[in-house]
Amino acid sequence: MSQEIQKPSLERAAEIALEQANKLGATAAEVGLSHSEGLSVTVRQRDVETLEHNNDTGLGITVFFGQSKASSSTSDLSPAAIQEAVQAACNIAKHTQADDAAGLADADLMATSLPDLSLDHPWNLTVEQAIELATDCEQAGLDSDTRISNSEGATVSSHRGQRIYANSHGFLGKTQSSRHSISASLIAKDERGMQRDYWYDMARDASDLSSATSVGIKAAQRTLARLGAGDVKTGSYPVLFTADVAPSLFGQLIAAIRGGALYRKASFLLDKRGEQIFPSFVHIHEQPHLLKALGSAAFDAEGVATSNRDIILDGVLQGYVLDSYAARRLGMSTTANAGGVHNLSIDSSTDMGFEGLIKQMDKGIIVTETMGMGVNIVNGDYSQGAAGFWVENGEIQYPVDEFTIASNLQDMFMKLVAIGSDIDLRGNTRCGSVLLDKMMIAAA
């Protein structure tokens, strides 16, 4: 990939859109633009299965006529196409119902300082190099054990892009970032059947990635560990979510404290701010300015400056996750979360890693994968298909799959026993393995 992105003038495109909105009588307007380019190569059984280049550009404009609003988008950044998109949005806005909560975020909340968060690390990766890395990754997995019988492929990808947000307050912010990854998915077979699993690594900076061979070997180890699955023992047992699965639990927390769920009164955590919803050792923070982190941002999708804040402190819910619209609906202030949270960090409660938590659990279930959509944010009911391992005497006994774990999120949060030190940094939620006191376990 080239060291510098060959891009259209996104800044000028933003100016054209806002100028046109003003010309057509909009009382306010905001525009978001993006340009990205990337390379993705998948090798399967030593042959190149897919080779994709992407080079995408887009513009989205939102206009306000008083409290009425409408949006339009285009992938053509010519002045004529931009003006046409703005005209379309203005035409629609004049016929939409006014909404008292509609509007830009307040001007005094716009980010005035845009720190360098070290998000852009180009990888001068040629197609040939990507193919070689993907081949090495897959081959390492295939060669690790004769029971690895097949492959669903190994993929190497590298993407880089620029995003701009501007509005009629005079704010214009831009972010350039990169994201690189290596992954492998393998199939193992023995006399008892076949199993599939995968592994991946992802980082802003390619030099921070695990080696291609180590990713392939880890994928093979995970796949082999699933062979010989036994029956689950129905009952109520402690459950240990691995560090790569645990973020889904905290994703449910965020879903329940989002503004949309709250102003619709569709959350089991409605009106819970200031109340204890986790044990006192649980601390959850939003850290938007971590260097190289995948969720870092100096401003949110409305231009509002981001900052560190506590979401859970000593187990107590400190605040919600709001954009300006939801904040107005609730009579509150935006929390700079238009577009989502930025690096949700869950503090470890112990120096113990995964193995230590297995010993502490003594007997129960390790969950390495969840399946399905069985979570009800309105009442907190939780029921998911799962796969993992049965544990007795503090040791893994055998793999188990096709079982169901069930509880209620309020109970799960309060019955959290420990958060391990084996923190997974590959996503927007950074946490270790999570041990819960008990959940209902049943064969699917």
Protein backbone atom coordinates (compact mmCIF):
# COMPACT_ATOMS: atom_id res chain seq x y z
CA MET A 1 0.00 0.00 0.00
CA SER A 2 1.14 3.53 -0.67
CA GLN A 3 2.57 5.59 2.15
CA GLU A 4 0.17 8.47 1.46
CA ILE A 5 -3.51 7.98 0.67
CA GLN A 6 -4.48 9.42 -2.69
CA LYS A 7 -7.73 11.07 -1.67
CA PRO A 8 -10.14 13.71 -2.90
CA SER A 9 -10.22 16.98 -0.98
CA LEU A 10 -12.51 15.95 1.83
CA GLU A 11 -12.18 19.30 3.57
CA ARG A 12 -13.33 21.18 0.47
CA ALA A 13 -16.20 18.73 -0.03
CA ALA A 14 -17.36 19.45 3.52
CA GLU A 15 -17.21 23.18 2.88
CA ILE A 16 -19.25 22.84 -0.33
CA ALA A 17 -21.93 20.85 1.47
CA LEU A 18 -22.26 23.31 4.34
CA GLU A 19 -22.22 26.33 2.02
CA GLN A 20 -24.97 24.80 -0.09
CA ALA A 21 -27.08 23.99 2.97
CA ASN A 22 -26.79 27.57 4.15
CA LYS A 23 -27.62 28.88 0.68
CA LEU A 24 -30.80 26.78 0.62
CA GLY A 25 -31.98 28.19 3.92
CA ALA A 26 -31.02 25.48 6.42
CA THR A 27 -30.72 26.86 9.94
CA ALA A 28 -28.00 24.31 10.75
CA ALA A 29 -26.19 21.45 9.04
CA GLU A 30 -23.58 18.77 9.64
CA VAL A 31 -21.59 16.64 7.25
CA GLY A 32 -19.52 13.48 7.63
CA LEU A 33 -17.06 12.27 5.01
CA SER A 34 -14.85 9.23 4.75
CA HIS A 35 -12.24 7.86 2.40
CA SER A 36 -10.62 4.46 2.86
CA GLU A 37 -8.37 2.16 0.94
CA GLY A 38 -7.25 -1.33 1.76
CA LEU A 39 -6.02 -4.75 0.77
CA SER A 40 -7.34 -8.12 1.93
CA VAL A 41 -5.97 -11.51 0.88
CA THR A 42 -7.38 -14.91 1.82
CA VAL A 43 -5.43 -18.10 1.20
CA ARG A 44 -7.15 -21.48 1.49
CA GLN A 45 -5.35 -24.80 1.07
CA ARG A 46 -2.29 -22.87 -0.09
CA ASP A 47 -4.17 -21.21 -2.97
CA VAL A 48 -5.28 -17.59 -3.15
CA GLU A 49 -9.04 -17.70 -2.67
CA THR A 50 -9.81 -13.97 -2.62
CA LEU A 51 -7.80 -10.84 -3.27
CA GLU A 52 -9.64 -7.59 -2.65
CA HIS A 53 -8.63 -3.97 -3.04
CA ASN A 54 -11.02 -1.34 -1.77
CA ASN A 55 -11.04 2.40 -2.38
CA ASP A 56 -14.23 3.91 -1.04
CA THR A 57 -15.45 7.45 -0.51
CA GLY A 58 -18.70 8.70 0.97
CA LEU A 59 -20.44 11.84 2.18
CA GLY A 60 -23.48 12.14 4.43
CA ILE A 61 -25.25 15.45 4.99
CA THR A 62 -27.88 16.29 7.62
CA VAL A 63 -29.77 19.58 7.45
CA PHE A 64 -32.04 21.26 9.98
CA PHE A 65 -34.84 23.69 9.26
CA GLY A 66 -35.67 24.75 12.77
CA GLN A 67 -36.41 21.46 14.54
CA SER A 68 -37.12 19.54 11.33
CA LYS A 69 -34.29 17.51 9.88
CA ALA A 70 -33.40 15.18 7.02
CA SER A 71 -30.34 13.42 5.67
CA SER A 72 -28.91 12.41 2.32
CA SER A 73 -25.72 10.75 1.12
CA THR A 74 -23.54 10.34 -1.96
CA SER A 75 -20.35 8.56 -2.98
CA ASP A 76 -19.68 11.17 -5.69
CA LEU A 77 -17.70 14.13 -4.36
CA SER A 78 -18.06 16.33 -7.42
CA PRO A 79 -19.52 19.75 -6.52
CA ALA A 80 -22.65 19.05 -8.57
CA ALA A 81 -23.30 15.72 -6.83
CA ILE A 82 -22.73 17.24 -3.39
CA GLN A 83 -25.11 20.08 -4.14
CA GLU A 84 -27.69 17.59 -5.40
CA ALA A 85 -27.42 15.57 -2.17
CA VAL A 86 -27.84 18.71 -0.07
CA GLN A 87 -30.83 19.78 -2.15
CA ALA A 88 -32.44 16.36 -1.62
CA ALA A 89 -31.98 16.60 2.15
CA CYS A 90 -33.42 20.12 2.22
CA ASN A 91 -36.45 19.08 0.19
CA ILE A 92 -37.18 16.25 2.62
CA ALA A 93 -36.59 18.35 5.75
CA LYS A 94 -39.23 20.86 4.72
CA HIS A 95 -41.83 18.09 4.93
CA THR A 96 -40.74 16.34 8.13
CA GLN A 97 -42.32 16.83 11.53
CA ALA A 98 -40.47 19.06 13.96
CA ASP A 99 -38.74 17.35 16.89
CA ASP A 100 -37.92 19.46 19.92
CA ALA A 101 -34.81 17.38 20.64
CA ALA A 102 -33.36 17.66 17.12
CA GLY A 103 -30.30 19.80 16.42
CA LEU A 104 -26.54 19.95 16.51
CA ALA A 105 -24.67 19.39 19.73
CA ASP A 106 -24.04 22.69 21.52
CA ALA A 107 -21.26 24.81 20.02
CA ASP A 108 -19.39 25.18 23.31
CA LEU A 109 -18.96 21.39 23.48
CA MET A 110 -17.01 21.13 20.23
CA ALA A 111 -13.48 19.77 20.52
CA THR A 112 -10.90 22.56 20.46
CA SER A 113 -7.86 20.35 20.97
CA LEU A 114 -7.20 17.38 18.72
CA PRO A 115 -4.36 15.36 20.28
CA ASP A 116 -2.31 12.95 18.20
CA LEU A 117 -3.54 9.55 19.37
CA SER A 118 -1.10 7.58 17.18
CA LEU A 119 -3.90 5.94 15.19
CA ASP A 120 -2.30 6.03 11.74
CA HIS A 121 0.45 3.52 10.99
CA PRO A 122 0.70 2.70 7.27
CA TRP A 123 1.84 -0.81 6.38
CA ASN A 124 3.78 -0.92 3.12
CA LEU A 125 2.33 -4.32 2.31
CA THR A 126 2.47 -5.64 -1.24
CA VAL A 127 0.06 -8.23 -2.59
CA GLU A 128 2.89 -10.74 -2.73
CA GLN A 129 3.83 -10.11 0.89
CA ALA A 130 0.20 -10.44 2.00
CA ILE A 131 -0.11 -13.76 0.16
CA GLU A 132 3.10 -15.01 1.77
CA LEU A 133 1.95 -14.04 5.27
CA ALA A 134 -1.48 -15.64 4.80
CA THR A 135 0.17 -18.78 3.43
CA ASP A 136 2.57 -18.95 6.38
CA CYS A 137 -0.32 -18.49 8.80
CA GLU A 138 -2.42 -21.26 7.29
CA GLN A 139 0.54 -23.61 6.85
CA ALA A 140 1.61 -23.22 10.47
CA GLY A 141 -1.84 -24.33 11.54
CA LEU A 142 -2.04 -27.23 9.08
CA ASP A 143 1.42 -28.48 10.04
CA SER A 144 0.86 -28.31 13.79
CA ASP A 145 -1.04 -31.61 14.10
CA THR A 146 -2.18 -34.38 11.76
CA ARG A 147 -5.71 -33.98 13.11
CA ILE A 148 -5.96 -30.55 11.49
CA SER A 149 -7.69 -31.90 8.41
CA ASN A 150 -8.84 -28.82 6.56
CA SER A 151 -8.80 -25.05 6.48
CA GLU A 152 -11.42 -22.37 5.98
CA GLY A 153 -8.62 -19.99 5.11
CA ALA A 154 -6.15 -17.50 6.50
CA THR A 155 -6.61 -13.79 5.85
CA VAL A 156 -4.25 -10.82 5.98
CA SER A 157 -5.78 -7.37 5.68
CA SER A 158 -4.57 -3.80 5.88
CA HIS A 159 -6.82 -0.76 5.76
CA ARG A 160 -6.24 2.94 6.12
CA GLY A 161 -8.70 5.80 6.01
CA GLN A 162 -9.58 9.36 6.78
CA ARG A 163 -12.79 10.66 8.33
CA ILE A 164 -14.00 14.24 8.57
CA TYR A 165 -16.86 15.72 10.54
CA ALA A 166 -17.88 19.36 10.10
CA ASN A 167 -20.91 21.43 11.06
CA SER A 168 -22.34 24.92 10.83
CA HIS A 169 -20.88 25.85 14.22
CA GLY A 170 -17.61 26.20 12.29
CA PHE A 171 -16.20 22.94 13.64
CA LEU A 172 -14.13 20.71 11.35
CA GLY A 173 -12.31 17.72 12.75
CA LYS A 174 -10.43 15.02 10.89
CA THR A 175 -8.98 11.68 11.86
CA GLN A 176 -6.65 9.44 9.90
CA SER A 177 -6.28 5.87 11.09
CA SER A 178 -5.13 2.40 10.12
CA ARG A 179 -6.24 -1.10 11.05
CA HIS A 180 -4.37 -4.32 10.23
CA SER A 181 -5.22 -7.95 10.97
CA ILE A 182 -4.20 -11.58 10.54
CA SER A 183 -6.63 -14.47 11.05
CA ALA A 184 -7.03 -18.19 10.45
CA SER A 185 -9.95 -20.63 10.67
CA LEU A 186 -9.20 -24.36 10.80
CA ILE A 187 -11.01 -27.70 10.95
CA ALA A 188 -9.87 -30.66 13.06
CA LYS A 189 -11.06 -34.26 12.77
CA ASP A 190 -10.72 -37.43 14.80
CA GLU A 191 -12.73 -40.62 15.25
CA ARG A 192 -15.33 -38.74 17.31
CA GLY A 193 -16.10 -36.04 14.77
CA MET A 194 -15.05 -32.65 13.42
CA GLN A 195 -14.65 -29.25 15.03
CA ARG A 196 -13.88 -25.75 13.79
CA ASP A 197 -12.29 -22.77 15.51
CA TYR A 198 -10.26 -19.69 14.68
CA TRP A 199 -7.89 -17.05 15.97
CA TYR A 200 -6.95 -13.55 14.92
CA ASP A 201 -4.95 -10.51 15.87
CA MET A 202 -5.69 -6.88 15.07
CA ALA A 203 -3.80 -3.64 15.66
CA ARG A 204 -3.37 -0.07 14.47
CA ASP A 205 0.34 -0.73 13.91
CA ALA A 206 1.39 -3.85 12.00
CA SER A 207 4.50 -4.12 14.17
CA ASP A 208 2.20 -4.81 17.12
CA LEU A 209 0.60 -7.85 15.44
CA SER A 210 1.42 -11.38 16.49
CA SER A 211 3.44 -13.28 13.89
CA ALA A 212 1.50 -15.01 11.14
CA THR A 213 2.76 -18.43 12.25
CA SER A 214 1.74 -17.86 15.89
CA VAL A 215 -1.79 -16.91 14.80
CA GLY A 216 -2.02 -20.11 12.74
CA ILE A 217 -0.71 -22.25 15.60
CA LYS A 218 -3.11 -20.64 18.10
CA ALA A 219 -6.03 -21.29 15.72
CA ALA A 220 -4.95 -24.94 15.52
CA GLN A 221 -4.63 -25.28 19.30
CA ARG A 222 -8.11 -23.85 19.84
CA THR A 223 -9.57 -26.14 17.18
CA LEU A 224 -7.89 -29.28 18.54
CA ALA A 225 -9.05 -28.47 22.06
CA ARG A 226 -12.67 -28.75 20.90
CA LEU A 227 -12.35 -32.36 19.71
CA GLY A 228 -14.09 -35.02 21.76
CA ALA A 229 -16.88 -32.86 23.12
CA GLY A 230 -18.80 -34.42 25.99
CA ASP A 231 -22.24 -33.84 27.45
CA VAL A 232 -23.01 -30.85 29.59
CA LYS A 233 -24.25 -31.51 33.12
CA THR A 234 -27.54 -29.66 33.57
CA GLY A 235 -27.66 -27.53 36.68
CA SER A 236 -26.56 -24.26 38.24
CA TYR A 237 -22.80 -23.72 38.05
CA PRO A 238 -20.16 -21.01 38.09
CA VAL A 239 -19.34 -19.73 34.61
CA LEU A 240 -16.01 -18.35 33.38
CA PHE A 241 -16.17 -16.21 30.24
CA THR A 242 -12.83 -16.11 28.42
CA ALA A 243 -11.27 -12.70 27.77
CA ASP A 244 -12.34 -12.71 24.11
CA VAL A 245 -15.98 -13.50 25.02
CA ALA A 246 -16.32 -11.36 28.17
CA PRO A 247 -16.66 -8.06 26.23
CA SER A 248 -20.09 -9.22 25.08
CA LEU A 249 -21.30 -9.02 28.71
CA PHE A 250 -20.23 -5.40 28.98
CA GLY A 251 -21.72 -4.77 25.56
CA GLN A 252 -25.08 -5.61 27.14
CA LEU A 253 -24.36 -3.10 29.89
CA ILE A 254 -23.72 -0.38 27.31
CA ALA A 255 -26.85 -1.33 25.35
CA ALA A 256 -28.90 -0.92 28.54
CA ILE A 257 -27.53 2.53 29.39
CA ARG A 258 -27.68 3.99 25.89
CA GLY A 259 -29.89 7.01 25.54
CA GLY A 260 -32.20 5.43 22.98
CA ALA A 261 -33.12 2.57 25.30
CA LEU A 262 -33.57 4.96 28.21
CA TYR A 263 -35.84 7.56 26.63
CA ARG A 264 -37.94 4.76 25.16
CA LYS A 265 -38.12 3.26 28.67
CA ALA A 266 -36.89 -0.01 27.22
CA SER A 267 -34.02 -0.86 29.58
CA PHE A 268 -33.70 -2.91 32.73
CA LEU A 269 -31.30 -0.21 33.97
CA LEU A 270 -33.78 2.65 33.62
CA ASP A 271 -33.32 5.20 36.45
CA LYS A 272 -30.43 3.19 37.93
CA ARG A 273 -27.85 5.98 37.85
CA GLY A 274 -26.33 6.29 41.30
CA GLU A 275 -27.28 2.74 42.25
CA GLN A 276 -25.07 -0.28 42.79
CA ILE A 277 -25.38 -2.73 39.90
CA PHE A 278 -22.02 -4.55 40.27
CA PRO A 279 -19.97 -5.67 43.30
CA SER A 280 -17.89 -2.88 44.80
CA PHE A 281 -14.64 -4.11 43.25
CA VAL A 282 -15.88 -3.43 39.70
CA HIS A 283 -14.58 -0.28 38.00
CA ILE A 284 -15.39 0.46 34.34
CA HIS A 285 -13.97 3.50 32.57
CA GLU A 286 -14.14 5.11 29.16
CA GLN A 287 -10.65 6.09 27.99
CA PRO A 288 -10.92 7.77 24.57
CA HIS A 289 -7.33 9.01 24.34
CA LEU A 290 -5.32 5.79 24.67
CA LEU A 291 -2.52 5.74 22.11
CA LYS A 292 -2.95 3.23 19.27
CA ALA A 293 -6.15 1.83 20.78
CA LEU A 294 -8.86 0.65 18.41
CA GLY A 295 -11.58 2.75 20.05
CA SER A 296 -9.69 6.01 20.53
CA ALA A 297 -11.15 9.32 19.32
CA ALA A 298 -10.59 12.98 20.15
CA PHE A 299 -14.22 13.81 19.35
CA ASP A 300 -17.43 11.90 18.84
CA ALA A 301 -19.66 11.72 15.75
CA GLU A 302 -21.11 15.16 16.60
CA GLY A 303 -17.76 16.88 17.15
CA VAL A 304 -18.10 16.84 20.95
CA ALA A 305 -14.77 16.60 22.77
CA THR A 306 -14.19 13.23 24.42
CA SER A 307 -12.61 12.74 27.83
CA ASN A 308 -11.90 10.04 30.39
CA ARG A 309 -14.84 9.21 32.62
CA ASP A 310 -16.08 6.57 35.03
CA ILE A 311 -19.11 4.58 33.97
CA ILE A 312 -19.01 2.17 36.93
CA LEU A 313 -17.11 3.16 40.08
CA ASP A 314 -17.08 0.88 43.12
CA GLY A 315 -19.90 -1.03 41.44
CA VAL A 316 -22.13 2.06 41.19
CA LEU A 317 -23.50 3.29 37.85
CA GLN A 318 -22.10 6.80 37.39
CA GLY A 319 -23.74 7.83 34.14
CA TYR A 320 -25.28 6.89 30.84
CA VAL A 321 -24.11 6.74 27.22
CA LEU A 322 -25.72 9.69 25.44
CA ASP A 323 -25.55 11.68 22.24
CA SER A 324 -27.05 15.16 22.11
CA TYR A 325 -30.47 13.99 20.89
CA ALA A 326 -30.92 11.41 23.64
CA ALA A 327 -29.58 13.87 26.20
CA ARG A 328 -32.23 16.42 25.26
CA ARG A 329 -34.95 13.80 25.41
CA LEU A 330 -33.80 12.88 28.92
CA GLY A 331 -33.14 16.42 30.13
CA MET A 332 -29.43 15.65 30.51
CA SER A 333 -26.14 16.56 28.81
CA THR A 334 -24.41 14.61 26.07
CA THR A 335 -21.63 12.31 27.25
CA ALA A 336 -19.76 12.56 23.92
CA ASN A 337 -20.98 9.14 22.85
CA ALA A 338 -22.53 9.88 19.48
CA GLY A 339 -21.28 6.90 17.48
CA GLY A 340 -20.63 4.73 20.55
CA VAL A 341 -18.20 4.35 23.43
CA HIS A 342 -14.47 4.89 23.07
CA ASN A 343 -12.29 2.24 24.73
CA LEU A 344 -14.35 0.69 27.48
CA SER A 345 -11.78 -0.44 30.04
CA ILE A 346 -12.72 -2.91 32.78
CA ASP A 347 -10.22 -2.99 35.64
CA SER A 348 -8.91 -6.38 36.73
CA SER A 349 -9.95 -7.35 40.25
CA THR A 350 -7.12 -9.83 40.76
CA ASP A 351 -3.57 -10.60 39.64
CA MET A 352 -4.80 -14.01 38.52
CA GLY A 353 -5.00 -14.79 34.83
CA PHE A 354 -7.14 -17.38 33.11
CA GLU A 355 -5.54 -20.45 34.75
CA GLY A 356 -5.88 -18.93 38.20
CA LEU A 357 -9.57 -18.24 37.67
CA ILE A 358 -10.12 -21.84 36.58
CA LYS A 359 -8.64 -23.02 39.86
CA GLN A 360 -10.75 -20.53 41.80
CA MET A 361 -13.91 -21.70 40.02
CA ASP A 362 -13.09 -25.34 40.91
CA LYS A 363 -16.18 -26.77 39.19
CA GLY A 364 -18.23 -25.25 36.40
CA ILE A 365 -18.25 -24.16 32.78
CA ILE A 366 -15.77 -22.16 30.72
CA VAL A 367 -17.54 -20.30 27.90
CA THR A 368 -15.37 -19.78 24.82
CA GLU A 369 -18.16 -18.91 22.39
CA THR A 370 -21.74 -17.64 22.55
CA MET A 371 -24.35 -17.91 19.82
CA GLY A 372 -27.74 -16.40 19.13
CA MET A 373 -29.54 -13.22 20.06
CA GLY A 374 -31.20 -14.30 23.30
CA VAL A 375 -30.73 -11.14 25.33
CA ASN A 376 -33.68 -8.93 26.31
CA ILE A 377 -32.46 -5.47 27.27
CA VAL A 378 -35.94 -4.46 28.44
CA ASN A 379 -36.05 -6.92 31.35
CA GLY A 380 -32.46 -8.23 31.42
CA ASP A 381 -33.29 -11.84 30.58
CA TYR A 382 -30.24 -13.62 29.17
CA SER A 383 -30.22 -16.96 27.31
CA GLN A 384 -27.47 -17.86 24.87
CA GLY A 385 -26.24 -20.92 23.06
CA ALA A 386 -22.64 -21.60 24.01
CA ALA A 387 -19.56 -23.78 23.66
CA GLY A 388 -16.63 -24.25 26.00
CA PHE A 389 -15.17 -26.65 28.56
CA TRP A 390 -16.28 -28.55 31.65
CA VAL A 391 -14.12 -27.95 34.74
CA GLU A 392 -13.76 -30.06 37.87
CA ASN A 393 -11.17 -29.87 40.66
CA GLY A 394 -9.87 -26.65 39.14
CA GLU A 395 -8.87 -28.32 35.87
CA ILE A 396 -10.36 -28.55 32.40
CA GLN A 397 -11.84 -32.03 31.93
CA TYR A 398 -13.25 -32.01 28.39
CA PRO A 399 -14.86 -29.72 25.80
CA VAL A 400 -18.63 -29.23 25.70
CA ASP A 401 -20.81 -27.69 23.02
CA GLU A 402 -24.46 -27.21 22.14
CA PHE A 403 -25.51 -26.08 25.60
CA THR A 404 -27.44 -23.07 26.87
CA ILE A 405 -26.49 -20.59 29.58
CA ALA A 406 -29.30 -18.58 31.15
CA SER A 407 -29.80 -15.98 33.86
CA ASN A 408 -30.77 -12.33 34.21
CA LEU A 409 -28.23 -9.60 33.53
CA GLN A 410 -28.96 -7.86 36.83
CA ASP A 411 -28.13 -11.08 38.68
CA MET A 412 -25.12 -11.76 36.47
CA PHE A 413 -23.68 -8.31 37.11
CA MET A 414 -24.15 -8.55 40.89
CA LYS A 415 -22.82 -12.12 41.03
CA LEU A 416 -19.59 -11.27 39.26
CA VAL A 417 -16.84 -12.92 41.30
CA ALA A 418 -13.59 -11.87 39.62
CA ILE A 419 -12.10 -10.17 36.56
CA GLY A 420 -8.80 -11.64 35.42
CA SER A 421 -5.55 -9.93 34.50
CA ASP A 422 -5.48 -11.57 31.03
CA ILE A 423 -6.73 -8.44 29.29
CA ASP A 424 -7.65 -8.71 25.60
CA LEU A 425 -6.64 -5.51 23.77
CA ARG A 426 -7.96 -6.41 20.33
CA GLY A 427 -11.20 -4.46 20.47
CA ASN A 428 -13.08 -1.47 21.81
CA THR A 429 -13.71 -3.24 25.14
CA ARG A 430 -10.59 -4.10 27.10
CA CYS A 431 -11.04 -6.69 29.84
CA GLY A 432 -9.83 -10.03 31.15
CA SER A 433 -11.69 -13.27 31.76
CA VAL A 434 -14.82 -12.85 33.88
CA LEU A 435 -15.95 -15.34 36.54
CA LEU A 436 -19.62 -15.37 37.52
CA ASP A 437 -20.98 -17.09 40.61
CA LYS A 438 -23.71 -19.19 38.99
CA MET A 439 -25.84 -19.51 35.87
CA MET A 440 -28.29 -22.15 34.72
CA ILE A 441 -26.66 -24.62 32.33
CA ALA A 442 -28.69 -26.97 30.15
CA ALA A 443 -28.20 -29.16 27.10
CA ALA A 444 -29.47 -27.46 23.96
